[in-house]
Each structure stands twice: as structure tokens, then as C-alpha cells.
C-alpha atoms as a PDB file:
ATOM      1  CA  MET A   1      -8.632   2.843 -13.588  1.00  0.00           C
ATOM      2  CA  ASN A   2      -9.580  -0.524 -15.016  1.00  0.00           C
ATOM      3  CA  GLN A   3     -12.531  -2.910 -14.040  1.00  0.00           C
ATOM      4  CA  ASP A   4     -10.208  -4.848 -11.713  1.00  0.00           C
ATOM      5  CA  THR A   5      -9.138  -1.759  -9.638  1.00  0.00           C
ATOM      6  CA  ALA A   6     -12.419   0.064  -9.924  1.00  0.00           C
ATOM      7  CA  ASN A   7     -13.635  -1.095  -6.515  1.00  0.00           C
ATOM      8  CA  LEU A   8     -10.326  -0.849  -4.472  1.00  0.00           C
ATOM      9  CA  THR A   9     -10.307   0.771  -1.191  1.00  0.00           C
ATOM     10  CA  PHE A  10      -7.175   1.907   0.741  1.00  0.00           C
ATOM     11  CA  THR A  11      -6.261   2.001   4.494  1.00  0.00           C
ATOM     12  CA  GLU A  12      -3.188   3.667   5.649  1.00  0.00           C
ATOM     13  CA  GLU A  13      -1.707   3.031   9.338  1.00  0.00           C
ATOM     14  CA  ALA A  14       1.398   4.154  11.084  1.00  0.00           C
ATOM     15  CA  VAL A  15       2.869   1.134  12.749  1.00  0.00           C
ATOM     16  CA  ASP A  16       5.726   2.324  14.439  1.00  0.00           C
ATOM     17  CA  HIS A  17       7.554   5.610  15.370  1.00  0.00           C
ATOM     18  CA  TYR A  18      11.185   6.116  16.571  1.00  0.00           C
ATOM     19  CA  ALA A  19      14.072   8.579  16.063  1.00  0.00           C
ATOM     20  CA  GLY A  20      12.327  10.842  13.774  1.00  0.00           C
ATOM     21  CA  GLN A  21      11.105   7.806  11.583  1.00  0.00           C
ATOM     22  CA  THR A  22       7.506   6.631  11.055  1.00  0.00           C
ATOM     23  CA  ASN A  23       6.957   3.246   9.658  1.00  0.00           C
ATOM     24  CA  MET A  24       3.776   3.075   7.582  1.00  0.00           C
ATOM     25  CA  VAL A  25       1.514   0.577   5.656  1.00  0.00           C
ATOM     26  CA  LEU A  26      -0.825   1.153   2.971  1.00  0.00           C
ATOM     27  CA  THR A  27      -3.186  -1.796   2.249  1.00  0.00           C
ATOM     28  CA  ALA A  28      -5.442  -2.232  -0.931  1.00  0.00           C
ATOM     29  CA  LEU A  29      -8.756  -3.776  -0.116  1.00  0.00           C
ATOM     30  CA  GLN A  30     -10.989  -5.365  -2.645  1.00  0.00           C
ATOM     31  CA  ASP A  31     -14.391  -6.292  -1.621  1.00  0.00           C
ATOM     32  CA  GLY A  32     -13.077  -6.164   2.030  1.00  0.00           C
ATOM     33  CA  LYS A  33     -10.180  -8.518   1.509  1.00  0.00           C
ATOM     34  CA  ALA A  34      -6.529  -7.334   1.755  1.00  0.00           C
ATOM     35  CA  VAL A  35      -4.982  -7.830  -1.907  1.00  0.00           C
ATOM     36  CA  GLY A  36      -1.858  -5.587  -1.657  1.00  0.00           C
ATOM     37  CA  THR A  37       0.404  -3.561   0.662  1.00  0.00           C
ATOM     38  CA  ILE A  38       3.145  -0.992   0.686  1.00  0.00           C
ATOM     39  CA  GLU A  39       5.363  -0.760   3.571  1.00  0.00           C
ATOM     40  CA  TYR A  40       7.305   2.603   3.575  1.00  0.00           C
ATOM     41  CA  VAL A  41       9.001   4.853   5.918  1.00  0.00           C
ATOM     42  CA  VAL A  42       8.710   8.521   6.431  1.00  0.00           C
ATOM     43  CA  TYR A  43      11.906  10.063   7.706  1.00  0.00           C
ATOM     44  CA  HIS A  44      12.010  13.762   8.543  1.00  0.00           C
ATOM     45  CA  GLY A  45       9.253  14.126   6.201  1.00  0.00           C
ATOM     46  CA  ILE A  46      10.582  12.249   3.147  1.00  0.00           C
ATOM     47  CA  PRO A  47       8.921   8.739   2.174  1.00  0.00           C
ATOM     48  CA  SER A  48      10.912   5.870   1.162  1.00  0.00           C
ATOM     49  CA  ILE A  49       9.227   2.622   0.138  1.00  0.00           C
ATOM     50  CA  SER A  50      10.671  -0.521   1.544  1.00  0.00           C
ATOM     51  CA  MET A  51       8.377  -3.195   0.102  1.00  0.00           C
ATOM     52  CA  VAL A  52       5.491  -3.541  -2.565  1.00  0.00           C
ATOM     53  CA  THR A  53       3.286  -6.716  -2.429  1.00  0.00           C
ATOM     54  CA  VAL A  54       0.241  -7.995  -4.251  1.00  0.00           C
ATOM     55  CA  ARG A  55      -1.211 -11.354  -3.586  1.00  0.00           C
ATOM     56  CA  PRO A  56      -0.360 -13.815  -6.299  1.00  0.00           C
ATOM     57  CA  GLU A  57      -3.923 -14.230  -7.717  1.00  0.00           C
ATOM     58  CA  TYR A  58      -4.427 -10.507  -7.880  1.00  0.00           C
ATOM     59  CA  ARG A  59      -1.286  -9.549  -9.893  1.00  0.00           C
ATOM     60  CA  ARG A  60      -1.225  -7.978 -13.316  1.00  0.00           C
ATOM     61  CA  ARG A  61      -4.172  -6.022 -12.566  1.00  0.00           C
ATOM     62  CA  GLY A  62      -2.874  -2.539 -11.886  1.00  0.00           C
ATOM     63  CA  ILE A  63      -3.303  -2.802  -8.137  1.00  0.00           C
ATOM     64  CA  ALA A  64       0.364  -1.999  -7.223  1.00  0.00           C
ATOM     65  CA  THR A  65       0.123   1.013  -9.660  1.00  0.00           C
ATOM     66  CA  GLN A  66      -3.060   2.226  -8.052  1.00  0.00           C
ATOM     67  CA  MET A  67      -1.319   1.996  -4.714  1.00  0.00           C
ATOM     68  CA  LEU A  68       1.843   3.944  -5.814  1.00  0.00           C
ATOM     69  CA  ARG A  69      -0.645   6.837  -6.916  1.00  0.00           C
END
């Protein structure tokens, strides 16, 4: 973990459920501000990532890497 990712916190939320599938969003927060998200689906217990985003001004700091861990 580097200085840019040292104070990251994360929230995880189920946003939808249907037909054995749960849509999830993991949000990375820095100083209370959302700086990145991962949208993923859990289908019968198997996760599949559909989208990884980091705000442009926060890119190249290892935020997406921290979210994926």
C-alpha cells in the first residue's frame, strides 16, 4: 500500500437480485469522496467483474489494484 492508497476505505452494496444473480458495487472512498468503483455480479456463488472505474484525477495511484484485492 502506498501513500496514495493508505487512507482508502471501501463500501460494498448489493444493488439488485434476480434469477440466482446478485449485482454488487464496491466503492473506494478517499476522505469520504467516491474515487473508484467495481461493478460485479455473483451468480450461484461465482463472482464476475463487469466494470472497473477510477476517477481520472485519481488514476495511476493503485486504487483499482486495492479494490481488486
